[in-house]
N, C-alpha and C. Protein backbone atom coordinates (compact mmCIF):
# COMPACT_ATOMS: atom_id res chain seq x y z
N MET A 1 0.84 -1.19 0.00
CA MET A 1 0.00 0.00 0.00
C MET A 1 0.88 1.25 0.00
N ALA A 2 0.56 2.18 -0.88
CA ALA A 2 1.34 3.41 -0.99
C ALA A 2 1.12 4.27 0.23
N PRO A 3 2.17 4.99 0.67
CA PRO A 3 2.00 5.89 1.81
C PRO A 3 1.01 7.00 1.46
N PRO A 4 0.29 7.51 2.47
CA PRO A 4 -0.68 8.57 2.19
C PRO A 4 0.01 9.82 1.64
N ARG A 5 -0.73 10.51 0.80
CA ARG A 5 -0.24 11.76 0.20
C ARG A 5 -1.23 12.88 0.50
N GLU A 6 -0.70 14.10 0.50
CA GLU A 6 -1.54 15.29 0.66
C GLU A 6 -1.16 16.28 -0.43
N ARG A 7 -2.00 17.30 -0.56
CA ARG A 7 -1.72 18.38 -1.52
C ARG A 7 -1.55 19.69 -0.77
N ALA A 8 -0.69 20.52 -1.30
CA ALA A 8 -0.49 21.88 -0.79
C ALA A 8 -0.40 22.79 -2.01
N THR A 9 -0.94 23.99 -1.90
CA THR A 9 -0.90 24.92 -3.03
C THR A 9 -0.36 26.26 -2.56
N PHE A 10 0.67 26.74 -3.29
CA PHE A 10 1.36 27.98 -2.94
C PHE A 10 1.52 28.87 -4.17
N ALA A 11 1.38 30.17 -3.95
CA ALA A 11 1.66 31.18 -4.97
C ALA A 11 2.71 32.11 -4.38
N GLY A 12 3.89 32.09 -4.96
CA GLY A 12 4.98 32.91 -4.45
C GLY A 12 5.75 33.58 -5.55
N GLY A 13 5.03 34.19 -6.48
CA GLY A 13 5.68 34.82 -7.62
C GLY A 13 5.67 33.89 -8.81
N CYS A 14 6.67 33.96 -9.63
CA CYS A 14 6.76 33.14 -10.83
C CYS A 14 6.74 31.65 -10.46
N PHE A 15 5.85 30.89 -11.08
CA PHE A 15 5.76 29.49 -10.71
C PHE A 15 6.99 28.69 -11.12
N TRP A 16 7.79 29.18 -12.03
CA TRP A 16 9.03 28.47 -12.38
C TRP A 16 9.94 28.38 -11.16
N CYS A 17 10.06 29.48 -10.43
CA CYS A 17 10.91 29.50 -9.22
C CYS A 17 10.33 28.61 -8.13
N THR A 18 9.05 28.78 -7.88
CA THR A 18 8.40 28.04 -6.80
C THR A 18 8.45 26.54 -7.08
N GLU A 19 8.21 26.15 -8.32
CA GLU A 19 8.26 24.74 -8.71
C GLU A 19 9.65 24.16 -8.46
N ALA A 20 10.70 24.86 -8.88
CA ALA A 20 12.06 24.36 -8.73
C ALA A 20 12.41 24.14 -7.26
N ILE A 21 11.97 25.01 -6.39
CA ILE A 21 12.23 24.87 -4.95
C ILE A 21 11.57 23.61 -4.41
N PHE A 22 10.27 23.46 -4.64
CA PHE A 22 9.54 22.33 -4.05
C PHE A 22 9.94 20.99 -4.66
N LYS A 23 10.33 20.98 -5.93
CA LYS A 23 10.76 19.72 -6.55
C LYS A 23 12.03 19.17 -5.89
N ALA A 24 12.79 20.03 -5.23
CA ALA A 24 14.05 19.60 -4.62
C ALA A 24 13.87 18.95 -3.24
N LEU A 25 12.66 18.99 -2.69
CA LEU A 25 12.43 18.51 -1.33
C LEU A 25 12.16 17.02 -1.25
N LYS A 26 12.73 16.38 -0.24
CA LYS A 26 12.39 14.99 0.07
C LYS A 26 10.90 14.93 0.38
N GLY A 27 10.27 13.84 -0.01
CA GLY A 27 8.85 13.66 0.30
C GLY A 27 7.90 14.31 -0.68
N VAL A 28 8.43 15.11 -1.59
CA VAL A 28 7.58 15.73 -2.61
C VAL A 28 7.56 14.78 -3.81
N GLU A 29 6.35 14.37 -4.15
CA GLU A 29 6.17 13.43 -5.25
C GLU A 29 5.97 14.13 -6.59
N ARG A 30 5.23 15.24 -6.55
CA ARG A 30 4.89 15.92 -7.80
C ARG A 30 4.67 17.40 -7.53
N VAL A 31 5.06 18.22 -8.49
CA VAL A 31 4.77 19.65 -8.44
C VAL A 31 4.18 20.03 -9.79
N ARG A 32 3.02 20.64 -9.73
CA ARG A 32 2.29 21.03 -10.94
C ARG A 32 2.14 22.55 -10.95
N SER A 33 2.58 23.20 -12.01
CA SER A 33 2.41 24.65 -12.14
C SER A 33 1.05 24.95 -12.75
N GLY A 34 0.43 26.02 -12.26
CA GLY A 34 -0.87 26.39 -12.80
C GLY A 34 -1.35 27.74 -12.31
N TYR A 35 -2.64 27.94 -12.48
CA TYR A 35 -3.27 29.21 -12.16
C TYR A 35 -4.44 28.94 -11.22
N THR A 36 -4.55 29.73 -10.15
CA THR A 36 -5.64 29.54 -9.20
C THR A 36 -5.96 30.86 -8.51
N GLY A 37 -7.12 30.88 -7.86
CA GLY A 37 -7.52 32.04 -7.07
C GLY A 37 -8.23 33.11 -7.85
N GLY A 38 -8.60 32.83 -9.09
CA GLY A 38 -9.23 33.84 -9.92
C GLY A 38 -10.65 33.50 -10.31
N ARG A 39 -11.15 34.19 -11.32
CA ARG A 39 -12.55 34.05 -11.70
C ARG A 39 -12.76 33.58 -13.13
N VAL A 40 -11.72 33.23 -13.85
CA VAL A 40 -11.83 32.78 -15.24
C VAL A 40 -11.55 31.29 -15.30
N GLU A 41 -12.43 30.52 -15.93
CA GLU A 41 -12.20 29.09 -16.08
C GLU A 41 -11.16 28.84 -17.17
N ARG A 42 -10.27 27.89 -16.90
CA ARG A 42 -9.24 27.45 -17.85
C ARG A 42 -8.50 28.62 -18.50
N PRO A 43 -7.92 29.49 -17.70
CA PRO A 43 -7.21 30.64 -18.28
C PRO A 43 -5.92 30.20 -18.98
N THR A 44 -5.48 31.01 -19.90
CA THR A 44 -4.19 30.79 -20.56
C THR A 44 -3.13 31.66 -19.87
N TYR A 45 -1.88 31.38 -20.14
CA TYR A 45 -0.78 32.17 -19.61
C TYR A 45 -0.94 33.63 -20.03
N GLU A 46 -1.28 33.85 -21.27
CA GLU A 46 -1.43 35.22 -21.78
C GLU A 46 -2.55 35.96 -21.03
N GLN A 47 -3.65 35.26 -20.76
CA GLN A 47 -4.75 35.89 -20.01
C GLN A 47 -4.32 36.24 -18.59
N VAL A 48 -3.64 35.31 -17.94
CA VAL A 48 -3.20 35.55 -16.56
C VAL A 48 -2.20 36.70 -16.52
N CYS A 49 -1.26 36.71 -17.46
CA CYS A 49 -0.27 37.79 -17.52
C CYS A 49 -0.91 39.14 -17.82
N GLY A 50 -2.06 39.11 -18.49
CA GLY A 50 -2.78 40.36 -18.78
C GLY A 50 -3.38 40.98 -17.54
N GLY A 51 -3.44 40.22 -16.44
CA GLY A 51 -3.87 40.77 -15.16
C GLY A 51 -5.37 40.93 -14.99
N ARG A 52 -6.17 40.31 -15.84
CA ARG A 52 -7.61 40.51 -15.72
C ARG A 52 -8.36 39.25 -15.27
N THR A 53 -7.66 38.21 -14.89
CA THR A 53 -8.32 36.96 -14.50
C THR A 53 -8.45 36.79 -13.00
N GLY A 54 -7.64 37.52 -12.23
CA GLY A 54 -7.62 37.36 -10.78
C GLY A 54 -6.80 36.16 -10.32
N HIS A 55 -6.28 35.38 -11.25
CA HIS A 55 -5.50 34.19 -10.90
C HIS A 55 -4.07 34.55 -10.51
N ALA A 56 -3.50 33.69 -9.68
CA ALA A 56 -2.08 33.78 -9.33
C ALA A 56 -1.36 32.62 -10.00
N GLU A 57 -0.11 32.84 -10.37
CA GLU A 57 0.74 31.72 -10.77
C GLU A 57 1.00 30.94 -9.49
N ALA A 58 0.75 29.65 -9.52
CA ALA A 58 0.85 28.85 -8.30
C ALA A 58 1.38 27.46 -8.63
N VAL A 59 1.74 26.74 -7.57
CA VAL A 59 2.12 25.34 -7.72
C VAL A 59 1.29 24.50 -6.77
N GLU A 60 0.91 23.33 -7.25
CA GLU A 60 0.25 22.35 -6.40
C GLU A 60 1.29 21.26 -6.13
N VAL A 61 1.56 21.04 -4.85
CA VAL A 61 2.58 20.11 -4.41
C VAL A 61 1.89 18.86 -3.85
N THR A 62 2.22 17.70 -4.39
CA THR A 62 1.75 16.43 -3.83
C THR A 62 2.90 15.89 -3.02
N PHE A 63 2.64 15.63 -1.72
CA PHE A 63 3.74 15.26 -0.83
C PHE A 63 3.32 14.16 0.14
N HIS A 64 4.33 13.54 0.72
CA HIS A 64 4.14 12.49 1.72
C HIS A 64 4.38 13.11 3.10
N PRO A 65 3.34 13.33 3.90
CA PRO A 65 3.51 13.99 5.20
C PRO A 65 4.35 13.19 6.19
N SER A 66 4.57 11.91 5.92
CA SER A 66 5.44 11.13 6.80
C SER A 66 6.91 11.45 6.54
N VAL A 67 7.19 12.12 5.43
CA VAL A 67 8.57 12.48 5.07
C VAL A 67 8.83 13.97 5.26
N VAL A 68 7.90 14.78 4.78
CA VAL A 68 8.00 16.24 4.92
C VAL A 68 6.63 16.74 5.37
N SER A 69 6.62 17.51 6.43
CA SER A 69 5.35 17.98 6.98
C SER A 69 4.83 19.20 6.23
N TYR A 70 3.54 19.41 6.35
CA TYR A 70 2.95 20.61 5.76
C TYR A 70 3.58 21.86 6.37
N GLU A 71 3.84 21.82 7.66
CA GLU A 71 4.48 22.97 8.31
C GLU A 71 5.84 23.26 7.70
N GLN A 72 6.61 22.22 7.41
CA GLN A 72 7.91 22.43 6.75
C GLN A 72 7.73 23.05 5.37
N LEU A 73 6.73 22.59 4.63
CA LEU A 73 6.47 23.17 3.30
C LEU A 73 6.11 24.64 3.42
N VAL A 74 5.29 24.99 4.40
CA VAL A 74 4.89 26.38 4.59
C VAL A 74 6.11 27.24 4.94
N GLU A 75 6.97 26.72 5.79
CA GLU A 75 8.17 27.47 6.15
C GLU A 75 9.08 27.66 4.95
N VAL A 76 9.27 26.62 4.16
CA VAL A 76 10.07 26.74 2.93
C VAL A 76 9.44 27.80 2.03
N PHE A 77 8.14 27.75 1.88
CA PHE A 77 7.43 28.74 1.06
C PHE A 77 7.75 30.16 1.53
N PHE A 78 7.55 30.42 2.82
CA PHE A 78 7.77 31.78 3.33
C PHE A 78 9.21 32.23 3.17
N LEU A 79 10.16 31.32 3.38
CA LEU A 79 11.56 31.72 3.41
C LEU A 79 12.25 31.68 2.05
N THR A 80 11.50 31.38 0.99
CA THR A 80 12.12 31.35 -0.34
C THR A 80 11.48 32.35 -1.31
N HIS A 81 10.72 33.29 -0.81
CA HIS A 81 10.22 34.39 -1.62
C HIS A 81 10.00 35.57 -0.68
N ASP A 82 9.59 36.71 -1.22
CA ASP A 82 9.34 37.89 -0.39
C ASP A 82 7.85 37.97 -0.08
N PRO A 83 7.43 37.54 1.12
CA PRO A 83 6.02 37.57 1.47
C PRO A 83 5.55 38.92 2.01
N THR A 84 6.38 39.96 1.84
CA THR A 84 6.05 41.28 2.39
C THR A 84 5.67 42.29 1.32
N THR A 85 5.76 41.93 0.07
CA THR A 85 5.50 42.86 -1.01
C THR A 85 4.24 42.46 -1.76
N PRO A 86 3.23 43.31 -1.79
CA PRO A 86 2.00 42.93 -2.49
C PRO A 86 2.19 42.90 -4.01
N ASN A 87 1.71 41.81 -4.62
CA ASN A 87 1.65 41.70 -6.07
C ASN A 87 2.98 41.93 -6.78
N ARG A 88 4.04 41.40 -6.17
CA ARG A 88 5.35 41.58 -6.80
C ARG A 88 6.36 40.60 -6.22
N GLN A 89 7.20 40.07 -7.11
CA GLN A 89 8.38 39.31 -6.73
C GLN A 89 9.48 39.75 -7.67
N GLY A 90 10.45 40.48 -7.15
CA GLY A 90 11.53 40.99 -8.00
C GLY A 90 10.97 41.87 -9.10
N ASN A 91 11.35 41.56 -10.34
CA ASN A 91 10.88 42.34 -11.49
C ASN A 91 9.50 41.91 -11.98
N ASP A 92 8.95 40.82 -11.42
CA ASP A 92 7.63 40.34 -11.81
C ASP A 92 6.58 41.11 -11.02
N ILE A 93 5.77 41.88 -11.72
CA ILE A 93 4.79 42.75 -11.07
C ILE A 93 3.39 42.44 -11.58
N GLY A 94 2.44 42.37 -10.65
CA GLY A 94 1.04 42.14 -11.00
C GLY A 94 0.40 41.19 -10.02
N GLU A 95 -0.93 41.19 -9.99
CA GLU A 95 -1.67 40.35 -9.07
C GLU A 95 -1.34 38.87 -9.24
N GLN A 96 -0.95 38.46 -10.44
CA GLN A 96 -0.62 37.06 -10.70
C GLN A 96 0.64 36.63 -9.96
N TYR A 97 1.41 37.57 -9.43
CA TYR A 97 2.64 37.26 -8.69
C TYR A 97 2.47 37.46 -7.19
N ARG A 98 1.23 37.51 -6.72
CA ARG A 98 0.97 37.73 -5.30
C ARG A 98 1.44 36.53 -4.47
N SER A 99 1.60 36.79 -3.19
CA SER A 99 1.96 35.75 -2.23
C SER A 99 0.68 35.23 -1.58
N ALA A 100 0.44 33.92 -1.76
CA ALA A 100 -0.78 33.33 -1.21
C ALA A 100 -0.56 31.86 -0.90
N ILE A 101 -1.25 31.40 0.12
CA ILE A 101 -1.32 29.99 0.46
C ILE A 101 -2.77 29.59 0.30
N PHE A 102 -3.01 28.57 -0.51
CA PHE A 102 -4.36 28.07 -0.75
C PHE A 102 -4.49 26.75 0.00
N THR A 103 -5.28 26.75 1.07
CA THR A 103 -5.35 25.58 1.95
C THR A 103 -6.43 24.60 1.51
N HIS A 104 -6.11 23.31 1.69
CA HIS A 104 -7.00 22.23 1.28
C HIS A 104 -7.79 21.64 2.45
N ALA A 105 -7.50 22.06 3.68
CA ALA A 105 -8.19 21.52 4.85
C ALA A 105 -8.03 22.50 6.01
N PRO A 106 -8.93 22.43 6.99
CA PRO A 106 -8.83 23.34 8.14
C PRO A 106 -7.49 23.25 8.88
N ASP A 107 -6.92 22.05 8.99
CA ASP A 107 -5.64 21.94 9.69
C ASP A 107 -4.52 22.63 8.90
N GLN A 108 -4.60 22.63 7.57
CA GLN A 108 -3.61 23.37 6.78
C GLN A 108 -3.75 24.87 7.04
N ARG A 109 -4.97 25.36 7.12
CA ARG A 109 -5.18 26.79 7.39
C ARG A 109 -4.59 27.17 8.75
N ARG A 110 -4.87 26.35 9.77
CA ARG A 110 -4.32 26.63 11.11
C ARG A 110 -2.80 26.62 11.09
N THR A 111 -2.21 25.66 10.40
CA THR A 111 -0.74 25.57 10.32
C THR A 111 -0.17 26.78 9.59
N ALA A 112 -0.78 27.16 8.47
CA ALA A 112 -0.30 28.31 7.71
C ALA A 112 -0.39 29.59 8.53
N GLU A 113 -1.51 29.78 9.21
CA GLU A 113 -1.68 30.99 10.03
C GLU A 113 -0.69 31.00 11.20
N ALA A 114 -0.49 29.84 11.84
CA ALA A 114 0.44 29.77 12.97
C ALA A 114 1.88 30.02 12.52
N THR A 115 2.25 29.48 11.38
CA THR A 115 3.61 29.69 10.86
C THR A 115 3.82 31.16 10.50
N LYS A 116 2.84 31.75 9.86
CA LYS A 116 2.91 33.18 9.52
C LYS A 116 3.06 34.01 10.79
N ALA A 117 2.24 33.72 11.81
CA ALA A 117 2.30 34.46 13.08
C ALA A 117 3.66 34.28 13.77
N ARG A 118 4.18 33.07 13.73
CA ARG A 118 5.48 32.81 14.36
C ARG A 118 6.58 33.61 13.66
N LEU A 119 6.60 33.60 12.34
CA LEU A 119 7.62 34.34 11.60
C LEU A 119 7.48 35.84 11.85
N GLU A 120 6.25 36.33 11.98
CA GLU A 120 6.02 37.74 12.31
C GLU A 120 6.58 38.05 13.70
N SER A 121 6.27 37.19 14.68
CA SER A 121 6.72 37.45 16.05
C SER A 121 8.24 37.35 16.18
N GLU A 122 8.86 36.55 15.32
CA GLU A 122 10.32 36.43 15.33
C GLU A 122 11.00 37.52 14.51
N HIS A 123 10.21 38.38 13.87
CA HIS A 123 10.73 39.49 13.05
C HIS A 123 11.71 38.99 11.99
N VAL A 124 11.33 37.89 11.33
CA VAL A 124 12.16 37.31 10.28
C VAL A 124 12.29 38.27 9.10
N PHE A 125 11.26 39.06 8.86
CA PHE A 125 11.25 40.01 7.75
C PHE A 125 11.19 41.43 8.30
N ASP A 126 11.73 42.38 7.54
CA ASP A 126 11.74 43.79 7.97
C ASP A 126 10.37 44.45 7.91
N ARG A 127 9.48 43.87 7.10
CA ARG A 127 8.13 44.43 6.93
C ARG A 127 7.10 43.36 7.27
N PRO A 128 5.85 43.74 7.48
CA PRO A 128 4.81 42.75 7.78
C PRO A 128 4.59 41.77 6.62
N ILE A 129 4.27 40.55 6.95
CA ILE A 129 3.93 39.53 5.95
C ILE A 129 2.51 39.81 5.45
N ILE A 130 2.37 39.91 4.13
CA ILE A 130 1.06 40.21 3.54
C ILE A 130 0.45 38.99 2.83
N THR A 131 1.08 37.85 2.95
CA THR A 131 0.60 36.63 2.30
C THR A 131 -0.85 36.36 2.65
N ARG A 132 -1.66 36.12 1.63
CA ARG A 132 -3.06 35.78 1.85
C ARG A 132 -3.16 34.28 2.08
N ILE A 133 -4.01 33.90 3.01
CA ILE A 133 -4.30 32.49 3.28
C ILE A 133 -5.78 32.30 3.01
N GLU A 134 -6.08 31.51 2.00
CA GLU A 134 -7.46 31.34 1.58
C GLU A 134 -7.72 29.90 1.15
N PRO A 135 -8.99 29.50 1.10
CA PRO A 135 -9.30 28.13 0.69
C PRO A 135 -8.85 27.85 -0.74
N ALA A 136 -8.38 26.64 -0.95
CA ALA A 136 -7.95 26.22 -2.29
C ALA A 136 -9.13 26.23 -3.24
N GLN A 137 -8.85 26.61 -4.46
CA GLN A 137 -9.80 26.55 -5.56
C GLN A 137 -9.22 25.60 -6.60
N VAL A 138 -9.88 25.48 -7.70
CA VAL A 138 -9.36 24.68 -8.79
C VAL A 138 -8.02 25.25 -9.23
N LEU A 139 -7.05 24.37 -9.43
CA LEU A 139 -5.78 24.79 -10.03
C LEU A 139 -5.85 24.37 -11.49
N TYR A 140 -5.87 25.36 -12.37
CA TYR A 140 -5.87 25.08 -13.81
C TYR A 140 -4.42 24.89 -14.22
N GLU A 141 -4.11 23.70 -14.70
CA GLU A 141 -2.73 23.39 -15.04
C GLU A 141 -2.23 24.31 -16.14
N ALA A 142 -1.02 24.83 -15.93
CA ALA A 142 -0.40 25.70 -16.93
C ALA A 142 -0.02 24.87 -18.16
N GLU A 143 0.25 25.56 -19.21
CA GLU A 143 0.62 24.94 -20.47
C GLU A 143 1.83 24.01 -20.27
N PRO A 144 1.95 22.96 -21.08
CA PRO A 144 3.02 21.97 -20.91
C PRO A 144 4.43 22.58 -20.84
N TYR A 145 4.70 23.63 -21.61
CA TYR A 145 6.06 24.19 -21.59
C TYR A 145 6.41 24.85 -20.25
N HIS A 146 5.42 25.10 -19.38
CA HIS A 146 5.70 25.66 -18.05
C HIS A 146 6.03 24.58 -17.03
N GLN A 147 5.67 23.34 -17.30
CA GLN A 147 5.88 22.27 -16.33
C GLN A 147 7.37 21.87 -16.31
N ASN A 148 7.91 21.74 -15.11
CA ASN A 148 9.30 21.33 -14.95
C ASN A 148 10.24 22.27 -15.71
N TYR A 149 9.91 23.54 -15.70
CA TYR A 149 10.57 24.53 -16.55
C TYR A 149 12.07 24.64 -16.27
N TYR A 150 12.43 24.78 -15.03
CA TYR A 150 13.86 24.97 -14.70
C TYR A 150 14.69 23.75 -15.11
N ALA A 151 14.19 22.56 -14.82
CA ALA A 151 14.94 21.34 -15.17
C ALA A 151 15.13 21.21 -16.67
N GLN A 152 14.17 21.70 -17.45
CA GLN A 152 14.26 21.59 -18.90
C GLN A 152 14.98 22.76 -19.55
N ASN A 153 15.16 23.87 -18.82
CA ASN A 153 15.75 25.08 -19.40
C ASN A 153 16.78 25.73 -18.49
N PRO A 154 17.70 24.98 -17.91
CA PRO A 154 18.61 25.58 -16.93
C PRO A 154 19.52 26.67 -17.50
N ALA A 155 19.75 26.67 -18.80
CA ALA A 155 20.63 27.68 -19.40
C ALA A 155 19.87 28.93 -19.83
N GLN A 156 18.54 28.91 -19.75
CA GLN A 156 17.74 30.07 -20.13
C GLN A 156 18.12 31.25 -19.23
N ALA A 157 18.12 32.46 -19.76
CA ALA A 157 18.60 33.64 -19.03
C ALA A 157 17.88 33.84 -17.69
N TYR A 158 16.55 33.75 -17.66
CA TYR A 158 15.80 33.93 -16.41
C TYR A 158 16.21 32.87 -15.40
N CYS A 159 16.38 31.65 -15.86
CA CYS A 159 16.77 30.56 -14.96
C CYS A 159 18.15 30.85 -14.36
N GLN A 160 19.08 31.32 -15.17
CA GLN A 160 20.42 31.62 -14.69
C GLN A 160 20.45 32.83 -13.75
N ALA A 161 19.69 33.85 -14.08
CA ALA A 161 19.73 35.09 -13.31
C ALA A 161 18.89 35.04 -12.04
N VAL A 162 17.78 34.28 -12.05
CA VAL A 162 16.85 34.32 -10.92
C VAL A 162 16.75 32.98 -10.19
N ILE A 163 16.47 31.91 -10.94
CA ILE A 163 16.19 30.63 -10.29
C ILE A 163 17.45 29.97 -9.74
N SER A 164 18.53 29.93 -10.50
CA SER A 164 19.76 29.27 -10.02
C SER A 164 20.28 29.88 -8.72
N PRO A 165 20.38 31.21 -8.61
CA PRO A 165 20.84 31.78 -7.33
C PRO A 165 19.86 31.49 -6.18
N LYS A 166 18.56 31.53 -6.46
CA LYS A 166 17.56 31.25 -5.44
C LYS A 166 17.70 29.80 -4.97
N LEU A 167 17.90 28.88 -5.90
CA LEU A 167 18.07 27.46 -5.53
C LEU A 167 19.35 27.25 -4.72
N ALA A 168 20.42 27.92 -5.09
CA ALA A 168 21.68 27.77 -4.34
C ALA A 168 21.50 28.23 -2.90
N LYS A 169 20.87 29.37 -2.71
CA LYS A 169 20.61 29.89 -1.37
C LYS A 169 19.69 28.94 -0.59
N PHE A 170 18.67 28.45 -1.25
CA PHE A 170 17.72 27.51 -0.65
C PHE A 170 18.44 26.22 -0.23
N ARG A 171 19.26 25.67 -1.10
CA ARG A 171 19.96 24.42 -0.78
C ARG A 171 20.86 24.57 0.43
N GLU A 172 21.46 25.71 0.58
CA GLU A 172 22.32 25.96 1.74
C GLU A 172 21.51 25.99 3.02
N LYS A 173 20.38 26.66 2.99
CA LYS A 173 19.55 26.85 4.18
C LYS A 173 18.76 25.60 4.57
N PHE A 174 18.29 24.84 3.59
CA PHE A 174 17.41 23.71 3.87
C PHE A 174 18.04 22.36 3.49
N ARG A 175 19.32 22.24 3.67
CA ARG A 175 20.07 21.04 3.27
C ARG A 175 19.43 19.74 3.77
N ALA A 176 18.95 19.71 4.99
CA ALA A 176 18.39 18.50 5.58
C ALA A 176 17.09 18.04 4.91
N LEU A 177 16.40 18.93 4.24
CA LEU A 177 15.13 18.59 3.60
C LEU A 177 15.27 18.18 2.14
N LEU A 178 16.48 18.25 1.60
CA LEU A 178 16.66 18.04 0.17
C LEU A 178 16.74 16.57 -0.22
N LYS A 179 16.25 16.28 -1.42
CA LYS A 179 16.41 14.96 -2.00
C LYS A 179 17.89 14.76 -2.28
N ALA A 180 18.31 13.50 -2.32
CA ALA A 180 19.71 13.20 -2.66
C ALA A 180 19.93 13.57 -4.12
N SER A 181 21.09 14.10 -4.41
CA SER A 181 21.42 14.46 -5.79
C SER A 181 21.65 13.18 -6.59
N PRO A 182 21.23 13.19 -7.87
CA PRO A 182 21.41 11.99 -8.69
C PRO A 182 22.87 11.73 -8.98
């Protein structure tokens, strides 16, 4: 019998970055990039980038809670993007790049809120955390070329300038949670 799995959904700016981070974690079985939190059914990348759908670029993480806890995923999420800036991550600007946690169960909501409160009380960030915590909605899977983007395009300029440095910093900080290198 396969070990139980859960889902977690996070929006932390460009889904290429967020996907690359979560794919590196032990206990993560699958990461799917997509669009959620908006009002348009089956949006396209162009529609979401146009800023009129209300959707965020997000990732849905399928994980084994016996290996990596939801709380650990939430902490990784908070500490690998800027949760203090509304609708922006670096040069990516717009509602589609907002910081949000989409919870799939009441215990996920409690964990996300408690982790956010703890990081606030520890003054981990210079500014208040503005990450929205809301119930999960349908995640519309992004186009195939967005899936596993970093692994398929490591030499692409954005990957080299943004994702590679973020991954290096992440690997240093969260070494114990990482999958073994092939």
